[in-house]
Amino acid sequence: MKGRKNKIKALCLAACATIFLLAGCGRTLQYQPVDQVCVPDANKANALQAAEDVLGRMHFTIDKADADQGFIRTNPLPGAQFFEFWRKDNIGPSNSLQANLHSIRRIAELQTSQQAGQLCIKCDVKLQRLSLPEHEVTSSARAYEMFAGSSAAMQELRLHPQQKKQAAWLDLDNDTELATVILKQIEEKLNAKNQK
Protein backbone atom coordinates (compact mmCIF):
# COMPACT_ATOMS: atom_id res chain seq x y z
CA MET A 1 0.00 0.00 0.00
CA LYS A 2 2.80 2.39 0.92
CA GLY A 3 4.65 1.65 -2.34
CA ARG A 4 1.53 2.49 -4.32
CA LYS A 5 1.17 5.87 -2.54
CA ASN A 6 4.79 6.67 -3.36
CA LYS A 7 4.20 5.82 -7.03
CA ILE A 8 1.13 8.06 -7.11
CA LYS A 9 3.09 10.91 -5.51
CA ALA A 10 5.91 10.45 -8.02
CA LEU A 11 3.43 10.48 -10.93
CA CYS A 12 1.76 13.62 -9.59
CA LEU A 13 5.11 15.38 -9.23
CA ALA A 14 6.12 14.33 -12.74
CA ALA A 15 2.79 15.58 -14.13
CA CYS A 16 3.20 18.93 -12.33
CA ALA A 17 6.75 19.33 -13.59
CA THR A 18 5.61 18.53 -17.14
CA ILE A 19 2.81 21.09 -16.93
CA PHE A 20 5.23 23.77 -15.72
CA LEU A 21 7.71 22.95 -18.47
CA LEU A 22 5.02 23.01 -21.13
CA ALA A 23 3.66 26.29 -19.80
CA GLY A 24 7.11 27.84 -20.20
CA CYS A 25 7.76 26.18 -23.54
CA GLY A 26 4.29 26.55 -24.98
CA ARG A 27 4.60 30.11 -26.18
CA THR A 28 4.97 30.24 -29.93
CA LEU A 29 6.36 32.96 -32.13
CA GLN A 30 3.55 35.38 -32.93
CA TYR A 31 5.34 37.13 -35.79
CA GLN A 32 7.41 36.32 -38.85
CA PRO A 33 11.10 37.13 -38.12
CA VAL A 34 12.10 40.64 -39.17
CA ASP A 35 15.39 42.56 -39.17
CA GLN A 36 13.81 45.96 -38.58
CA VAL A 37 10.50 47.78 -38.50
CA CYS A 38 9.77 51.14 -40.11
CA VAL A 39 7.04 53.47 -38.88
CA PRO A 40 5.91 56.56 -40.82
CA ASP A 41 5.19 59.77 -38.91
CA ALA A 42 7.20 58.66 -35.85
CA ASN A 43 9.93 60.66 -34.18
CA LYS A 44 13.03 59.37 -32.46
CA ALA A 45 12.00 60.47 -28.95
CA ASN A 46 8.67 58.61 -29.15
CA ALA A 47 10.39 55.53 -30.57
CA LEU A 48 12.96 55.45 -27.77
CA GLN A 49 10.24 55.94 -25.15
CA ALA A 50 8.21 53.08 -26.66
CA ALA A 51 11.34 50.90 -26.74
CA GLU A 52 12.10 51.62 -23.08
CA ASP A 53 8.51 50.77 -22.15
CA VAL A 54 8.60 47.45 -24.04
CA LEU A 55 12.01 46.50 -22.64
CA GLY A 56 10.92 47.45 -19.12
CA ARG A 57 7.86 45.21 -19.32
CA MET A 58 10.19 42.36 -20.30
CA HIS A 59 12.28 43.10 -17.17
CA PHE A 60 15.29 44.49 -19.04
CA THR A 61 17.09 47.43 -17.44
CA ILE A 62 18.72 50.11 -19.57
CA ASP A 63 22.52 50.22 -19.54
CA LYS A 64 22.95 53.01 -22.10
CA ALA A 65 20.46 55.23 -23.89
CA ASP A 66 21.62 57.92 -26.30
CA ALA A 67 18.73 60.02 -27.61
CA ASP A 68 20.92 61.89 -30.11
CA GLN A 69 22.22 58.69 -31.70
CA GLY A 70 18.90 56.85 -31.27
CA PHE A 71 20.58 53.96 -29.46
CA ILE A 72 19.60 51.79 -26.48
CA ARG A 73 21.56 48.93 -24.89
CA THR A 74 20.30 46.92 -21.93
CA ASN A 75 22.10 45.30 -19.05
CA PRO A 76 22.35 41.51 -19.28
CA LEU A 77 19.08 39.79 -18.32
CA PRO A 78 19.31 36.19 -17.03
CA GLY A 79 17.01 33.82 -18.93
CA ALA A 80 13.65 33.07 -17.31
CA GLN A 81 13.24 29.72 -15.58
CA PHE A 82 10.16 27.51 -16.10
CA PHE A 83 8.54 28.66 -12.85
CA GLU A 84 8.85 32.37 -13.77
CA PHE A 85 5.65 32.33 -15.81
CA TRP A 86 5.34 36.14 -15.73
CA ARG A 87 8.58 36.59 -17.70
CA LYS A 88 8.38 36.99 -21.48
CA ASP A 89 12.01 36.70 -22.62
CA ASN A 90 11.97 33.02 -23.68
CA ILE A 91 10.25 32.93 -27.05
CA GLY A 92 9.62 29.41 -28.33
CA PRO A 93 10.32 25.98 -26.85
CA SER A 94 14.03 25.82 -27.75
CA ASN A 95 14.78 29.10 -25.94
CA SER A 96 12.79 27.97 -22.89
CA LEU A 97 14.62 24.66 -22.81
CA GLN A 98 18.01 26.34 -23.16
CA ALA A 99 17.25 28.81 -20.35
CA ASN A 100 16.25 25.97 -18.04
CA LEU A 101 19.28 23.79 -18.82
CA HIS A 102 22.01 26.45 -18.87
CA SER A 103 22.88 29.76 -17.26
CA ILE A 104 22.13 32.16 -20.10
CA ARG A 105 21.63 35.88 -20.40
CA ARG A 106 20.49 38.29 -23.09
CA ILE A 107 21.54 41.83 -24.03
CA ALA A 108 19.24 43.85 -26.30
CA GLU A 109 20.55 46.65 -28.54
CA LEU A 110 18.24 48.94 -30.50
CA GLN A 111 19.26 51.47 -33.15
CA THR A 112 16.99 53.98 -34.91
CA SER A 113 17.57 55.61 -38.29
CA GLN A 114 15.67 57.68 -40.85
CA GLN A 115 15.01 55.91 -44.16
CA ALA A 116 12.79 57.30 -46.95
CA GLY A 117 10.81 59.53 -44.61
CA GLN A 118 10.21 56.78 -42.04
CA LEU A 119 11.77 56.01 -38.71
CA CYS A 120 13.30 52.53 -38.79
CA ILE A 121 14.25 50.55 -35.70
CA LYS A 122 16.68 47.65 -35.71
CA CYS A 123 17.05 45.26 -32.76
CA ASP A 124 19.76 42.72 -31.95
CA VAL A 125 19.48 40.45 -28.93
CA LYS A 126 22.80 38.87 -28.03
CA LEU A 127 22.57 35.50 -26.30
CA GLN A 128 25.37 34.37 -23.97
CA ARG A 129 25.95 31.20 -21.92
CA LEU A 130 28.05 30.92 -18.77
CA SER A 131 31.03 28.60 -19.05
CA LEU A 132 32.38 27.31 -15.73
CA PRO A 133 35.60 25.30 -15.86
CA GLU A 134 35.64 22.05 -13.94
CA HIS A 135 37.73 21.72 -10.80
CA GLU A 136 40.05 18.72 -10.83
CA VAL A 137 38.65 15.89 -8.74
CA THR A 138 41.23 13.68 -7.08
CA SER A 139 38.89 10.95 -5.83
CA SER A 140 35.33 9.76 -6.39
CA ALA A 141 34.43 10.79 -2.84
CA ARG A 142 35.11 14.42 -3.77
CA ALA A 143 33.00 14.49 -6.93
CA TYR A 144 30.74 17.11 -5.36
CA GLU A 145 33.68 19.55 -5.68
CA MET A 146 33.77 19.26 -9.48
CA PHE A 147 32.16 22.66 -10.04
CA ALA A 148 32.00 24.21 -6.58
CA GLY A 149 33.72 24.25 -3.20
CA SER A 150 30.81 22.60 -1.40
CA SER A 151 30.74 19.94 1.24
CA ALA A 152 28.95 16.60 1.03
CA ALA A 153 26.27 17.85 3.45
CA MET A 154 25.65 21.29 1.91
CA GLN A 155 25.77 21.96 -1.83
CA GLU A 156 26.34 25.56 -2.89
CA LEU A 157 27.97 27.28 -5.82
CA ARG A 158 31.18 28.69 -4.41
CA LEU A 159 33.84 28.82 -7.08
CA HIS A 160 37.50 28.21 -6.48
CA PRO A 161 39.75 31.23 -7.26
CA GLN A 162 41.15 29.50 -10.36
CA GLN A 163 37.63 28.78 -11.61
CA LYS A 164 36.62 32.44 -11.10
CA LYS A 165 39.51 33.52 -13.33
CA GLN A 166 38.47 31.10 -16.08
CA ALA A 167 34.69 31.62 -15.91
CA ALA A 168 33.40 33.42 -18.99
CA TRP A 169 30.21 34.32 -20.83
CA LEU A 170 30.35 32.72 -24.28
CA ASP A 171 28.57 34.40 -27.19
CA LEU A 172 25.94 32.26 -28.88
CA ASP A 173 23.75 33.10 -31.87
CA ASN A 174 21.50 36.15 -31.71
CA ASP A 175 17.99 35.55 -30.36
CA THR A 176 16.06 36.60 -33.48
CA GLU A 177 12.72 35.45 -32.05
CA LEU A 178 12.95 37.80 -29.06
CA ALA A 179 14.27 40.64 -31.25
CA THR A 180 11.24 40.23 -33.54
CA VAL A 181 8.82 40.30 -30.61
CA ILE A 182 10.48 43.45 -29.23
CA LEU A 183 10.34 45.20 -32.63
CA LYS A 184 6.71 44.26 -33.26
CA GLN A 185 5.63 45.45 -29.81
CA ILE A 186 7.43 48.78 -30.37
CA GLU A 187 5.78 49.09 -33.80
CA GLU A 188 2.33 48.41 -32.32
CA LYS A 189 2.92 50.99 -29.60
CA LEU A 190 4.04 53.66 -32.10
CA ASN A 191 1.15 52.94 -34.50
CA ALA A 192 -1.33 53.20 -31.64
CA LYS A 193 0.20 56.54 -30.66
CA ASN A 194 0.03 57.82 -34.26
CA GLN A 195 -3.67 56.91 -34.53
CA LYS A 196 -4.62 59.06 -31.52
C-alpha atoms as a PDB file:
ATOM      1  CA  MET A   1       0.000   0.000   0.000  1.00  0.00           C
ATOM      2  CA  LYS A   2       2.804   2.392   0.922  1.00  0.00           C
ATOM      3  CA  GLY A   3       4.653   1.654  -2.340  1.00  0.00           C
ATOM      4  CA  ARG A   4       1.530   2.490  -4.316  1.00  0.00           C
ATOM      5  CA  LYS A   5       1.174   5.867  -2.541  1.00  0.00           C
ATOM      6  CA  ASN A   6       4.791   6.674  -3.358  1.00  0.00           C
ATOM      7  CA  LYS A   7       4.199   5.815  -7.029  1.00  0.00           C
ATOM      8  CA  ILE A   8       1.129   8.060  -7.111  1.00  0.00           C
ATOM      9  CA  LYS A   9       3.094  10.911  -5.510  1.00  0.00           C
ATOM     10  CA  ALA A  10       5.906  10.451  -8.024  1.00  0.00           C
ATOM     11  CA  LEU A  11       3.430  10.480 -10.934  1.00  0.00           C
ATOM     12  CA  CYS A  12       1.756  13.622  -9.593  1.00  0.00           C
ATOM     13  CA  LEU A  13       5.115  15.378  -9.230  1.00  0.00           C
ATOM     14  CA  ALA A  14       6.115  14.327 -12.744  1.00  0.00           C
ATOM     15  CA  ALA A  15       2.794  15.582 -14.126  1.00  0.00           C
ATOM     16  CA  CYS A  16       3.196  18.934 -12.329  1.00  0.00           C
ATOM     17  CA  ALA A  17       6.754  19.326 -13.593  1.00  0.00           C
ATOM     18  CA  THR A  18       5.610  18.529 -17.139  1.00  0.00           C
ATOM     19  CA  ILE A  19       2.810  21.091 -16.929  1.00  0.00           C
ATOM     20  CA  PHE A  20       5.230  23.773 -15.717  1.00  0.00           C
ATOM     21  CA  LEU A  21       7.710  22.955 -18.471  1.00  0.00           C
ATOM     22  CA  LEU A  22       5.025  23.010 -21.131  1.00  0.00           C
ATOM     23  CA  ALA A  23       3.657  26.289 -19.796  1.00  0.00           C
ATOM     24  CA  GLY A  24       7.115  27.841 -20.196  1.00  0.00           C
ATOM     25  CA  CYS A  25       7.763  26.179 -23.536  1.00  0.00           C
ATOM     26  CA  GLY A  26       4.294  26.550 -24.982  1.00  0.00           C
ATOM     27  CA  ARG A  27       4.603  30.114 -26.178  1.00  0.00           C
ATOM     28  CA  THR A  28       4.972  30.239 -29.932  1.00  0.00           C
ATOM     29  CA  LEU A  29       6.365  32.963 -32.134  1.00  0.00           C
ATOM     30  CA  GLN A  30       3.548  35.375 -32.935  1.00  0.00           C
ATOM     31  CA  TYR A  31       5.341  37.126 -35.791  1.00  0.00           C
ATOM     32  CA  GLN A  32       7.411  36.324 -38.849  1.00  0.00           C
ATOM     33  CA  PRO A  33      11.096  37.126 -38.118  1.00  0.00           C
ATOM     34  CA  VAL A  34      12.101  40.636 -39.175  1.00  0.00           C
ATOM     35  CA  ASP A  35      15.394  42.562 -39.168  1.00  0.00           C
ATOM     36  CA  GLN A  36      13.811  45.961 -38.579  1.00  0.00           C
ATOM     37  CA  VAL A  37      10.495  47.781 -38.495  1.00  0.00           C
ATOM     38  CA  CYS A  38       9.774  51.139 -40.111  1.00  0.00           C
ATOM     39  CA  VAL A  39       7.040  53.468 -38.878  1.00  0.00           C
ATOM     40  CA  PRO A  40       5.913  56.564 -40.818  1.00  0.00           C
ATOM     41  CA  ASP A  41       5.194  59.769 -38.906  1.00  0.00           C
ATOM     42  CA  ALA A  42       7.203  58.662 -35.853  1.00  0.00           C
ATOM     43  CA  ASN A  43       9.929  60.657 -34.176  1.00  0.00           C
ATOM     44  CA  LYS A  44      13.031  59.374 -32.459  1.00  0.00           C
ATOM     45  CA  ALA A  45      11.997  60.469 -28.953  1.00  0.00           C
ATOM     46  CA  ASN A  46       8.670  58.607 -29.146  1.00  0.00           C
ATOM     47  CA  ALA A  47      10.387  55.527 -30.567  1.00  0.00           C
ATOM     48  CA  LEU A  48      12.958  55.454 -27.775  1.00  0.00           C
ATOM     49  CA  GLN A  49      10.241  55.938 -25.146  1.00  0.00           C
ATOM     50  CA  ALA A  50       8.212  53.078 -26.661  1.00  0.00           C
ATOM     51  CA  ALA A  51      11.340  50.902 -26.739  1.00  0.00           C
ATOM     52  CA  GLU A  52      12.103  51.622 -23.081  1.00  0.00           C
ATOM     53  CA  ASP A  53       8.506  50.767 -22.150  1.00  0.00           C
ATOM     54  CA  VAL A  54       8.596  47.453 -24.043  1.00  0.00           C
ATOM     55  CA  LEU A  55      12.008  46.499 -22.645  1.00  0.00           C
ATOM     56  CA  GLY A  56      10.921  47.453 -19.115  1.00  0.00           C
ATOM     57  CA  ARG A  57       7.855  45.209 -19.321  1.00  0.00           C
ATOM     58  CA  MET A  58      10.187  42.364 -20.300  1.00  0.00           C
ATOM     59  CA  HIS A  59      12.278  43.105 -17.168  1.00  0.00           C
ATOM     60  CA  PHE A  60      15.287  44.486 -19.043  1.00  0.00           C
ATOM     61  CA  THR A  61      17.093  47.429 -17.440  1.00  0.00           C
ATOM     62  CA  ILE A  62      18.724  50.110 -19.570  1.00  0.00           C
ATOM     63  CA  ASP A  63      22.524  50.220 -19.540  1.00  0.00           C
ATOM     64  CA  LYS A  64      22.952  53.009 -22.098  1.00  0.00           C
ATOM     65  CA  ALA A  65      20.464  55.231 -23.885  1.00  0.00           C
ATOM     66  CA  ASP A  66      21.623  57.923 -26.305  1.00  0.00           C
ATOM     67  CA  ALA A  67      18.726  60.024 -27.606  1.00  0.00           C
ATOM     68  CA  ASP A  68      20.921  61.888 -30.111  1.00  0.00           C
ATOM     69  CA  GLN A  69      22.220  58.694 -31.696  1.00  0.00           C
ATOM     70  CA  GLY A  70      18.900  56.847 -31.273  1.00  0.00           C
ATOM     71  CA  PHE A  71      20.580  53.960 -29.459  1.00  0.00           C
ATOM     72  CA  ILE A  72      19.600  51.788 -26.477  1.00  0.00           C
ATOM     73  CA  ARG A  73      21.562  48.931 -24.891  1.00  0.00           C
ATOM     74  CA  THR A  74      20.304  46.924 -21.933  1.00  0.00           C
ATOM     75  CA  ASN A  75      22.100  45.301 -19.049  1.00  0.00           C
ATOM     76  CA  PRO A  76      22.348  41.505 -19.276  1.00  0.00           C
ATOM     77  CA  LEU A  77      19.085  39.786 -18.320  1.00  0.00           C
ATOM     78  CA  PRO A  78      19.310  36.191 -17.033  1.00  0.00           C
ATOM     79  CA  GLY A  79      17.014  33.817 -18.930  1.00  0.00           C
ATOM     80  CA  ALA A  80      13.655  33.068 -17.310  1.00  0.00           C
ATOM     81  CA  GLN A  81      13.239  29.721 -15.578  1.00  0.00           C
ATOM     82  CA  PHE A  82      10.164  27.511 -16.096  1.00  0.00           C
ATOM     83  CA  PHE A  83       8.535  28.656 -12.848  1.00  0.00           C
ATOM     84  CA  GLU A  84       8.854  32.369 -13.768  1.00  0.00           C
ATOM     85  CA  PHE A  85       5.649  32.325 -15.808  1.00  0.00           C
ATOM     86  CA  TRP A  86       5.342  36.137 -15.734  1.00  0.00           C
ATOM     87  CA  ARG A  87       8.579  36.592 -17.697  1.00  0.00           C
ATOM     88  CA  LYS A  88       8.378  36.986 -21.484  1.00  0.00           C
ATOM     89  CA  ASP A  89      12.011  36.703 -22.618  1.00  0.00           C
ATOM     90  CA  ASN A  90      11.969  33.024 -23.675  1.00  0.00           C
ATOM     91  CA  ILE A  91      10.249  32.926 -27.052  1.00  0.00           C
ATOM     92  CA  GLY A  92       9.621  29.406 -28.325  1.00  0.00           C
ATOM     93  CA  PRO A  93      10.322  25.979 -26.852  1.00  0.00           C
ATOM     94  CA  SER A  94      14.032  25.822 -27.751  1.00  0.00           C
ATOM     95  CA  ASN A  95      14.780  29.100 -25.938  1.00  0.00           C
ATOM     96  CA  SER A  96      12.788  27.972 -22.893  1.00  0.00           C
ATOM     97  CA  LEU A  97      14.623  24.664 -22.814  1.00  0.00           C
ATOM     98  CA  GLN A  98      18.014  26.338 -23.159  1.00  0.00           C
ATOM     99  CA  ALA A  99      17.246  28.812 -20.347  1.00  0.00           C
ATOM    100  CA  ASN A 100      16.251  25.966 -18.037  1.00  0.00           C
ATOM    101  CA  LEU A 101      19.281  23.793 -18.816  1.00  0.00           C
ATOM    102  CA  HIS A 102      22.011  26.448 -18.869  1.00  0.00           C
ATOM    103  CA  SER A 103      22.879  29.761 -17.261  1.00  0.00           C
ATOM    104  CA  ILE A 104      22.128  32.158 -20.098  1.00  0.00           C
ATOM    105  CA  ARG A 105      21.626  35.885 -20.401  1.00  0.00           C
ATOM    106  CA  ARG A 106      20.494  38.286 -23.094  1.00  0.00           C
ATOM    107  CA  ILE A 107      21.536  41.832 -24.027  1.00  0.00           C
ATOM    108  CA  ALA A 108      19.240  43.849 -26.299  1.00  0.00           C
ATOM    109  CA  GLU A 109      20.553  46.652 -28.538  1.00  0.00           C
ATOM    110  CA  LEU A 110      18.243  48.945 -30.501  1.00  0.00           C
ATOM    111  CA  GLN A 111      19.257  51.469 -33.155  1.00  0.00           C
ATOM    112  CA  THR A 112      16.993  53.979 -34.912  1.00  0.00           C
ATOM    113  CA  SER A 113      17.572  55.606 -38.293  1.00  0.00           C
ATOM    114  CA  GLN A 114      15.668  57.682 -40.851  1.00  0.00           C
ATOM    115  CA  GLN A 115      15.007  55.912 -44.156  1.00  0.00           C
ATOM    116  CA  ALA A 116      12.789  57.303 -46.947  1.00  0.00           C
ATOM    117  CA  GLY A 117      10.809  59.529 -44.605  1.00  0.00           C
ATOM    118  CA  GLN A 118      10.208  56.780 -42.043  1.00  0.00           C
ATOM    119  CA  LEU A 119      11.774  56.008 -38.713  1.00  0.00           C
ATOM    120  CA  CYS A 120      13.295  52.526 -38.793  1.00  0.00           C
ATOM    121  CA  ILE A 121      14.250  50.550 -35.698  1.00  0.00           C
ATOM    122  CA  LYS A 122      16.681  47.647 -35.709  1.00  0.00           C
ATOM    123  CA  CYS A 123      17.049  45.256 -32.761  1.00  0.00           C
ATOM    124  CA  ASP A 124      19.760  42.720 -31.955  1.00  0.00           C
ATOM    125  CA  VAL A 125      19.476  40.451 -28.927  1.00  0.00           C
ATOM    126  CA  LYS A 126      22.797  38.869 -28.027  1.00  0.00           C
ATOM    127  CA  LEU A 127      22.575  35.503 -26.303  1.00  0.00           C
ATOM    128  CA  GLN A 128      25.375  34.373 -23.966  1.00  0.00           C
ATOM    129  CA  ARG A 129      25.949  31.196 -21.923  1.00  0.00           C
ATOM    130  CA  LEU A 130      28.051  30.921 -18.773  1.00  0.00           C
ATOM    131  CA  SER A 131      31.025  28.600 -19.046  1.00  0.00           C
ATOM    132  CA  LEU A 132      32.381  27.308 -15.730  1.00  0.00           C
ATOM    133  CA  PRO A 133      35.595  25.299 -15.860  1.00  0.00           C
ATOM    134  CA  GLU A 134      35.642  22.053 -13.939  1.00  0.00           C
ATOM    135  CA  HIS A 135      37.728  21.723 -10.801  1.00  0.00           C
ATOM    136  CA  GLU A 136      40.050  18.720 -10.835  1.00  0.00           C
ATOM    137  CA  VAL A 137      38.645  15.893  -8.739  1.00  0.00           C
ATOM    138  CA  THR A 138      41.234  13.680  -7.083  1.00  0.00           C
ATOM    139  CA  SER A 139      38.885  10.954  -5.827  1.00  0.00           C
ATOM    140  CA  SER A 140      35.329   9.762  -6.391  1.00  0.00           C
ATOM    141  CA  ALA A 141      34.428  10.788  -2.840  1.00  0.00           C
ATOM    142  CA  ARG A 142      35.112  14.416  -3.768  1.00  0.00           C
ATOM    143  CA  ALA A 143      33.002  14.487  -6.929  1.00  0.00           C
ATOM    144  CA  TYR A 144      30.737  17.112  -5.355  1.00  0.00           C
ATOM    145  CA  GLU A 145      33.677  19.550  -5.676  1.00  0.00           C
ATOM    146  CA  MET A 146      33.769  19.256  -9.475  1.00  0.00           C
ATOM    147  CA  PHE A 147      32.162  22.665 -10.038  1.00  0.00           C
ATOM    148  CA  ALA A 148      31.999  24.206  -6.577  1.00  0.00           C
ATOM    149  CA  GLY A 149      33.716  24.248  -3.200  1.00  0.00           C
ATOM    150  CA  SER A 150      30.805  22.599  -1.397  1.00  0.00           C
ATOM    151  CA  SER A 151      30.737  19.936   1.243  1.00  0.00           C
ATOM    152  CA  ALA A 152      28.948  16.599   1.029  1.00  0.00           C
ATOM    153  CA  ALA A 153      26.271  17.850   3.446  1.00  0.00           C
ATOM    154  CA  MET A 154      25.645  21.295   1.911  1.00  0.00           C
ATOM    155  CA  GLN A 155      25.769  21.957  -1.827  1.00  0.00           C
ATOM    156  CA  GLU A 156      26.341  25.557  -2.890  1.00  0.00           C
ATOM    157  CA  LEU A 157      27.968  27.279  -5.823  1.00  0.00           C
ATOM    158  CA  ARG A 158      31.182  28.694  -4.408  1.00  0.00           C
ATOM    159  CA  LEU A 159      33.839  28.815  -7.081  1.00  0.00           C
ATOM    160  CA  HIS A 160      37.503  28.209  -6.476  1.00  0.00           C
ATOM    161  CA  PRO A 161      39.749  31.229  -7.264  1.00  0.00           C
ATOM    162  CA  GLN A 162      41.154  29.496 -10.363  1.00  0.00           C
ATOM    163  CA  GLN A 163      37.627  28.782 -11.611  1.00  0.00           C
ATOM    164  CA  LYS A 164      36.621  32.436 -11.099  1.00  0.00           C
ATOM    165  CA  LYS A 165      39.507  33.518 -13.326  1.00  0.00           C
ATOM    166  CA  GLN A 166      38.471  31.098 -16.083  1.00  0.00           C
ATOM    167  CA  ALA A 167      34.688  31.616 -15.909  1.00  0.00           C
ATOM    168  CA  ALA A 168      33.395  33.424 -18.994  1.00  0.00           C
ATOM    169  CA  TRP A 169      30.210  34.324 -20.833  1.00  0.00           C
ATOM    170  CA  LEU A 170      30.353  32.720 -24.282  1.00  0.00           C
ATOM    171  CA  ASP A 171      28.572  34.403 -27.188  1.00  0.00           C
ATOM    172  CA  LEU A 172      25.935  32.258 -28.882  1.00  0.00           C
ATOM    173  CA  ASP A 173      23.748  33.097 -31.871  1.00  0.00           C
ATOM    174  CA  ASN A 174      21.502  36.146 -31.708  1.00  0.00           C
ATOM    175  CA  ASP A 175      17.991  35.554 -30.358  1.00  0.00           C
ATOM    176  CA  THR A 176      16.065  36.597 -33.478  1.00  0.00           C
ATOM    177  CA  GLU A 177      12.718  35.447 -32.048  1.00  0.00           C
ATOM    178  CA  LEU A 178      12.948  37.797 -29.057  1.00  0.00           C
ATOM    179  CA  ALA A 179      14.274  40.636 -31.255  1.00  0.00           C
ATOM    180  CA  THR A 180      11.243  40.232 -33.542  1.00  0.00           C
ATOM    181  CA  VAL A 181       8.816  40.304 -30.612  1.00  0.00           C
ATOM    182  CA  ILE A 182      10.482  43.449 -29.226  1.00  0.00           C
ATOM    183  CA  LEU A 183      10.345  45.197 -32.629  1.00  0.00           C
ATOM    184  CA  LYS A 184       6.711  44.264 -33.262  1.00  0.00           C
ATOM    185  CA  GLN A 185       5.626  45.454 -29.812  1.00  0.00           C
ATOM    186  CA  ILE A 186       7.434  48.779 -30.370  1.00  0.00           C
ATOM    187  CA  GLU A 187       5.779  49.092 -33.800  1.00  0.00           C
ATOM    188  CA  GLU A 188       2.327  48.411 -32.325  1.00  0.00           C
ATOM    189  CA  LYS A 189       2.919  50.992 -29.596  1.00  0.00           C
ATOM    190  CA  LEU A 190       4.036  53.657 -32.102  1.00  0.00           C
ATOM    191  CA  ASN A 191       1.154  52.939 -34.500  1.00  0.00           C
ATOM    192  CA  ALA A 192      -1.334  53.201 -31.640  1.00  0.00           C
ATOM    193  CA  LYS A 193       0.200  56.543 -30.657  1.00  0.00           C
ATOM    194  CA  ASN A 194       0.026  57.820 -34.259  1.00  0.00           C
ATOM    195  CA  GLN A 195      -3.666  56.914 -34.531  1.00  0.00           C
ATOM    196  CA  LYS A 196      -4.620  59.056 -31.521  1.00  0.00           C
END
